Amino acid sequence: QVQLQESGPGLVKPSQTLSLTCTVSGASITMNAAYWSWIRQPPGKGLEWMGSKGYSGATSYGPALKSRTSISRDTSKNQITLQLSSVTPEDTAVYYCAWLSGNYWGQGIQVTVSS
């Protein structure tokens, strides 16, 4: 069974960098044709795809956050990491990691940006 688990701080100060980790179990992040996405949902708003790391290591980013987003991976730990720089209160959201084509999602992690 594939499981995804997000982890990281729940509170980040404005202007800092938000860093979250997604630990995948039950599947390898280098598995052929798998793309591992970060998605967020601000309060009262819809889901926003932030970007993904593919099985080959290729990375794609959504246009709205591309300039502030970095997605990396650690294959030895089977983890995908999200970094979002220069955060503001508008980046407050529930952040999810997901394998969309397999329809597997993590439970999500609430991140609040506040001083």
N, C-alpha and C. Protein backbone atom coordinates (compact mmCIF):
# COMPACT_ATOMS: atom_id res chain seq x y z
N GLN A 1 0.85 -1.19 0.00
CA GLN A 1 0.00 0.00 0.00
C GLN A 1 0.89 1.24 0.00
N VAL A 2 0.58 2.16 -0.89
CA VAL A 2 1.36 3.38 -0.99
C VAL A 2 0.87 4.39 0.04
N GLN A 3 1.80 4.97 0.75
CA GLN A 3 1.45 6.01 1.71
C GLN A 3 2.38 7.19 1.54
N LEU A 4 1.82 8.38 1.69
CA LEU A 4 2.59 9.62 1.63
C LEU A 4 2.35 10.38 2.93
N GLN A 5 3.42 10.90 3.51
CA GLN A 5 3.31 11.60 4.77
C GLN A 5 4.08 12.91 4.71
N GLU A 6 3.35 14.03 4.87
CA GLU A 6 4.00 15.34 4.90
C GLU A 6 4.51 15.65 6.30
N SER A 7 5.61 16.36 6.37
CA SER A 7 6.14 16.78 7.66
C SER A 7 6.84 18.11 7.50
N GLY A 8 6.90 18.84 8.61
CA GLY A 8 7.55 20.14 8.60
C GLY A 8 6.92 21.04 9.63
N PRO A 9 7.39 22.28 9.73
CA PRO A 9 6.85 23.20 10.72
C PRO A 9 5.45 23.67 10.36
N GLY A 10 4.64 23.85 11.36
CA GLY A 10 3.28 24.32 11.14
C GLY A 10 3.17 25.83 11.15
N LEU A 11 4.23 26.49 11.57
CA LEU A 11 4.22 27.95 11.66
C LEU A 11 5.53 28.49 11.09
N VAL A 12 5.39 29.41 10.17
CA VAL A 12 6.55 30.03 9.53
C VAL A 12 6.36 31.55 9.58
N LYS A 13 7.44 32.27 9.80
CA LYS A 13 7.36 33.72 9.86
C LYS A 13 7.42 34.32 8.44
N PRO A 14 6.77 35.45 8.26
CA PRO A 14 6.85 36.12 6.94
C PRO A 14 8.29 36.38 6.54
N SER A 15 8.54 36.27 5.26
CA SER A 15 9.83 36.45 4.58
C SER A 15 10.74 35.22 4.71
N GLN A 16 10.39 34.26 5.55
CA GLN A 16 11.22 33.07 5.68
C GLN A 16 10.90 32.07 4.57
N THR A 17 11.65 30.98 4.57
CA THR A 17 11.43 29.91 3.60
C THR A 17 10.71 28.75 4.27
N LEU A 18 9.61 28.37 3.66
CA LEU A 18 8.83 27.22 4.12
C LEU A 18 9.47 25.95 3.54
N SER A 19 9.69 24.98 4.37
CA SER A 19 10.31 23.73 3.91
C SER A 19 9.50 22.54 4.44
N LEU A 20 9.01 21.72 3.52
CA LEU A 20 8.22 20.54 3.87
C LEU A 20 8.81 19.30 3.21
N THR A 21 8.64 18.18 3.87
CA THR A 21 9.12 16.91 3.35
C THR A 21 7.97 15.94 3.20
N CYS A 22 7.98 15.21 2.11
CA CYS A 22 7.01 14.15 1.86
C CYS A 22 7.76 12.82 1.86
N THR A 23 7.43 11.97 2.80
CA THR A 23 8.05 10.65 2.87
C THR A 23 7.11 9.63 2.25
N VAL A 24 7.61 8.91 1.26
CA VAL A 24 6.79 7.95 0.53
C VAL A 24 7.15 6.54 0.97
N SER A 25 6.15 5.74 1.25
CA SER A 25 6.36 4.33 1.56
C SER A 25 5.47 3.48 0.68
N GLY A 26 5.91 2.26 0.40
CA GLY A 26 5.13 1.36 -0.43
C GLY A 26 5.39 1.51 -1.91
N ALA A 27 6.21 2.46 -2.30
CA ALA A 27 6.58 2.67 -3.70
C ALA A 27 7.85 3.49 -3.73
N SER A 28 8.61 3.31 -4.80
CA SER A 28 9.84 4.09 -4.97
C SER A 28 9.54 5.37 -5.73
N ILE A 29 10.15 6.47 -5.29
CA ILE A 29 9.93 7.73 -6.00
C ILE A 29 10.60 7.73 -7.37
N THR A 30 11.44 6.73 -7.64
CA THR A 30 12.05 6.60 -8.97
C THR A 30 11.29 5.58 -9.83
N MET A 31 10.15 5.12 -9.33
CA MET A 31 9.33 4.18 -10.09
C MET A 31 8.95 4.77 -11.43
N ASN A 32 9.04 3.95 -12.46
CA ASN A 32 8.81 4.42 -13.82
C ASN A 32 7.48 5.15 -13.96
N ALA A 33 7.54 6.32 -14.57
CA ALA A 33 6.36 7.13 -14.92
C ALA A 33 5.65 7.75 -13.72
N ALA A 34 6.26 7.73 -12.56
CA ALA A 34 5.63 8.35 -11.38
C ALA A 34 6.07 9.80 -11.24
N TYR A 35 5.10 10.64 -10.96
CA TYR A 35 5.36 12.06 -10.72
C TYR A 35 4.77 12.41 -9.36
N TRP A 36 5.57 13.05 -8.55
CA TRP A 36 5.20 13.34 -7.17
C TRP A 36 4.97 14.85 -7.04
N SER A 37 3.74 15.20 -6.70
CA SER A 37 3.33 16.60 -6.74
C SER A 37 3.17 17.20 -5.35
N TRP A 38 3.32 18.50 -5.32
CA TRP A 38 2.94 19.31 -4.16
C TRP A 38 1.75 20.16 -4.57
N ILE A 39 0.74 20.16 -3.72
CA ILE A 39 -0.51 20.87 -3.97
C ILE A 39 -0.89 21.56 -2.68
N ARG A 40 -1.47 22.74 -2.77
CA ARG A 40 -1.89 23.42 -1.56
C ARG A 40 -3.32 23.93 -1.70
N GLN A 41 -3.92 24.18 -0.55
CA GLN A 41 -5.28 24.72 -0.51
C GLN A 41 -5.36 25.79 0.55
N PRO A 42 -5.36 27.06 0.15
CA PRO A 42 -5.53 28.14 1.12
C PRO A 42 -6.94 28.10 1.70
N PRO A 43 -7.15 28.67 2.85
CA PRO A 43 -8.48 28.64 3.46
C PRO A 43 -9.51 29.30 2.56
N GLY A 44 -10.60 28.61 2.34
CA GLY A 44 -11.69 29.14 1.53
C GLY A 44 -11.44 29.15 0.04
N LYS A 45 -10.35 28.55 -0.40
CA LYS A 45 -10.00 28.56 -1.82
C LYS A 45 -9.83 27.13 -2.34
N GLY A 46 -9.63 27.02 -3.64
CA GLY A 46 -9.47 25.72 -4.25
C GLY A 46 -8.05 25.20 -4.19
N LEU A 47 -7.88 24.00 -4.74
CA LEU A 47 -6.57 23.37 -4.77
C LEU A 47 -5.68 24.06 -5.80
N GLU A 48 -4.41 24.22 -5.46
CA GLU A 48 -3.44 24.83 -6.36
C GLU A 48 -2.25 23.89 -6.52
N TRP A 49 -2.00 23.45 -7.74
CA TRP A 49 -0.85 22.59 -8.01
C TRP A 49 0.40 23.45 -8.04
N MET A 50 1.39 23.10 -7.22
CA MET A 50 2.60 23.89 -7.10
C MET A 50 3.73 23.38 -7.99
N GLY A 51 3.78 22.08 -8.18
CA GLY A 51 4.84 21.52 -8.99
C GLY A 51 5.02 20.05 -8.72
N SER A 52 5.93 19.42 -9.47
CA SER A 52 6.14 17.99 -9.29
C SER A 52 7.58 17.61 -9.60
N LYS A 53 7.97 16.49 -9.02
CA LYS A 53 9.28 15.88 -9.30
C LYS A 53 9.00 14.53 -9.94
N GLY A 54 9.54 14.33 -11.11
CA GLY A 54 9.30 13.09 -11.82
C GLY A 54 10.28 11.99 -11.45
N TYR A 55 9.98 10.79 -11.92
CA TYR A 55 10.79 9.60 -11.59
C TYR A 55 12.23 9.74 -12.08
N SER A 56 12.41 10.49 -13.16
CA SER A 56 13.76 10.67 -13.72
C SER A 56 14.52 11.80 -13.04
N GLY A 57 13.83 12.56 -12.21
CA GLY A 57 14.44 13.70 -11.55
C GLY A 57 14.02 15.03 -12.15
N ALA A 58 13.30 14.99 -13.25
CA ALA A 58 12.85 16.23 -13.88
C ALA A 58 11.83 16.93 -12.99
N THR A 59 11.82 18.25 -13.02
CA THR A 59 10.94 19.04 -12.17
C THR A 59 10.10 19.97 -13.01
N SER A 60 8.84 20.11 -12.62
CA SER A 60 7.93 21.06 -13.25
C SER A 60 7.31 21.92 -12.17
N TYR A 61 7.02 23.19 -12.51
CA TYR A 61 6.44 24.11 -11.54
C TYR A 61 5.22 24.79 -12.13
N GLY A 62 4.26 25.07 -11.24
CA GLY A 62 3.13 25.87 -11.65
C GLY A 62 3.55 27.30 -11.86
N PRO A 63 2.94 28.01 -12.81
CA PRO A 63 3.41 29.35 -13.17
C PRO A 63 3.28 30.38 -12.06
N ALA A 64 2.26 30.26 -11.24
CA ALA A 64 2.00 31.30 -10.24
C ALA A 64 3.08 31.38 -9.17
N LEU A 65 3.68 30.25 -8.83
CA LEU A 65 4.63 30.22 -7.73
C LEU A 65 6.04 29.84 -8.18
N LYS A 66 6.22 29.74 -9.46
CA LYS A 66 7.47 29.19 -10.00
C LYS A 66 8.71 29.92 -9.48
N SER A 67 8.63 31.23 -9.36
CA SER A 67 9.81 32.00 -8.97
C SER A 67 10.21 31.77 -7.51
N ARG A 68 9.29 31.23 -6.70
CA ARG A 68 9.58 31.05 -5.27
C ARG A 68 9.65 29.58 -4.84
N THR A 69 9.43 28.67 -5.77
CA THR A 69 9.29 27.26 -5.42
C THR A 69 10.48 26.43 -5.87
N SER A 70 10.89 25.51 -5.01
CA SER A 70 11.93 24.55 -5.38
C SER A 70 11.51 23.17 -4.85
N ILE A 71 11.55 22.18 -5.73
CA ILE A 71 11.22 20.81 -5.33
C ILE A 71 12.43 19.92 -5.59
N SER A 72 12.83 19.20 -4.57
CA SER A 72 13.99 18.32 -4.69
C SER A 72 13.63 16.94 -4.16
N ARG A 73 14.59 16.02 -4.24
CA ARG A 73 14.32 14.67 -3.75
C ARG A 73 15.57 14.06 -3.14
N ASP A 74 15.33 13.12 -2.25
CA ASP A 74 16.40 12.32 -1.67
C ASP A 74 16.02 10.87 -1.93
N THR A 75 16.63 10.26 -2.92
CA THR A 75 16.25 8.90 -3.29
C THR A 75 16.63 7.89 -2.22
N SER A 76 17.68 8.20 -1.44
CA SER A 76 18.08 7.26 -0.39
C SER A 76 17.04 7.18 0.73
N LYS A 77 16.32 8.28 0.91
CA LYS A 77 15.28 8.31 1.95
C LYS A 77 13.88 8.20 1.36
N ASN A 78 13.79 8.15 0.04
CA ASN A 78 12.49 8.10 -0.64
C ASN A 78 11.61 9.29 -0.26
N GLN A 79 12.19 10.47 -0.34
CA GLN A 79 11.51 11.69 0.09
C GLN A 79 11.53 12.75 -1.02
N ILE A 80 10.47 13.55 -1.03
CA ILE A 80 10.35 14.71 -1.90
C ILE A 80 10.25 15.93 -0.99
N THR A 81 11.01 16.96 -1.29
CA THR A 81 11.04 18.15 -0.44
C THR A 81 10.55 19.37 -1.20
N LEU A 82 9.76 20.18 -0.52
CA LEU A 82 9.25 21.44 -1.07
C LEU A 82 9.87 22.59 -0.31
N GLN A 83 10.33 23.57 -1.03
CA GLN A 83 10.76 24.82 -0.41
C GLN A 83 10.04 25.97 -1.11
N LEU A 84 9.46 26.86 -0.32
CA LEU A 84 8.77 28.04 -0.82
C LEU A 84 9.38 29.25 -0.13
N SER A 85 9.99 30.12 -0.88
CA SER A 85 10.74 31.23 -0.30
C SER A 85 9.88 32.48 -0.15
N SER A 86 10.37 33.38 0.67
CA SER A 86 9.74 34.70 0.85
C SER A 86 8.25 34.61 1.11
N VAL A 87 7.88 33.79 2.07
CA VAL A 87 6.46 33.55 2.32
C VAL A 87 5.78 34.78 2.93
N THR A 88 4.49 34.89 2.66
CA THR A 88 3.64 35.92 3.23
C THR A 88 2.42 35.22 3.83
N PRO A 89 1.58 35.95 4.56
CA PRO A 89 0.38 35.31 5.12
C PRO A 89 -0.51 34.67 4.05
N GLU A 90 -0.40 35.14 2.80
CA GLU A 90 -1.20 34.55 1.72
C GLU A 90 -0.74 33.13 1.38
N ASP A 91 0.39 32.72 1.89
CA ASP A 91 0.86 31.34 1.69
C ASP A 91 0.34 30.39 2.77
N THR A 92 -0.45 30.90 3.68
CA THR A 92 -1.09 30.04 4.66
C THR A 92 -2.03 29.07 3.94
N ALA A 93 -1.87 27.78 4.20
CA ALA A 93 -2.64 26.78 3.46
C ALA A 93 -2.40 25.40 4.06
N VAL A 94 -3.21 24.46 3.62
CA VAL A 94 -2.91 23.05 3.84
C VAL A 94 -2.11 22.58 2.64
N TYR A 95 -0.95 22.00 2.91
CA TYR A 95 -0.05 21.54 1.85
C TYR A 95 -0.11 20.01 1.77
N TYR A 96 -0.28 19.53 0.55
CA TYR A 96 -0.38 18.10 0.30
C TYR A 96 0.72 17.64 -0.65
N CYS A 97 1.21 16.44 -0.43
CA CYS A 97 1.97 15.78 -1.48
C CYS A 97 1.10 14.67 -2.04
N ALA A 98 1.29 14.38 -3.31
CA ALA A 98 0.40 13.43 -3.95
C ALA A 98 1.06 12.76 -5.15
N TRP A 99 0.66 11.53 -5.39
CA TRP A 99 0.94 10.83 -6.64
C TRP A 99 -0.38 10.83 -7.38
N LEU A 100 -0.56 11.81 -8.26
CA LEU A 100 -1.87 12.08 -8.82
C LEU A 100 -2.38 10.93 -9.70
N SER A 101 -1.52 10.40 -10.54
CA SER A 101 -2.00 9.36 -11.46
C SER A 101 -2.38 8.08 -10.73
N GLY A 102 -1.75 7.87 -9.56
CA GLY A 102 -2.11 6.71 -8.76
C GLY A 102 -3.21 7.01 -7.77
N ASN A 103 -3.60 8.30 -7.70
CA ASN A 103 -4.64 8.75 -6.78
C ASN A 103 -4.26 8.48 -5.31
N TYR A 104 -3.02 8.76 -4.99
CA TYR A 104 -2.57 8.66 -3.60
C TYR A 104 -2.20 10.06 -3.11
N TRP A 105 -2.72 10.41 -1.95
CA TRP A 105 -2.48 11.71 -1.35
C TRP A 105 -2.03 11.52 0.09
N GLY A 106 -1.21 12.43 0.55
CA GLY A 106 -0.93 12.50 1.96
C GLY A 106 -2.11 13.13 2.69
N GLN A 107 -2.06 13.10 4.00
CA GLN A 107 -3.17 13.66 4.78
C GLN A 107 -3.16 15.18 4.79
N GLY A 108 -2.04 15.78 4.39
CA GLY A 108 -1.94 17.22 4.37
C GLY A 108 -1.36 17.76 5.67
N ILE A 109 -0.73 18.91 5.56
CA ILE A 109 -0.17 19.57 6.74
C ILE A 109 -0.55 21.05 6.69
N GLN A 110 -1.09 21.53 7.78
CA GLN A 110 -1.46 22.94 7.88
C GLN A 110 -0.21 23.77 8.13
N VAL A 111 0.00 24.76 7.30
CA VAL A 111 1.11 25.70 7.51
C VAL A 111 0.53 27.10 7.60
N THR A 112 0.86 27.78 8.66
CA THR A 112 0.41 29.15 8.88
C THR A 112 1.61 30.08 8.82
N VAL A 113 1.45 31.16 8.07
CA VAL A 113 2.50 32.16 7.98
C VAL A 113 2.07 33.36 8.83
N SER A 114 2.79 33.59 9.88
CA SER A 114 2.42 34.65 10.82
C SER A 114 3.63 35.02 11.66
N SER A 115 3.68 36.29 12.01
CA SER A 115 4.76 36.73 12.90
C SER A 115 4.36 36.54 14.36
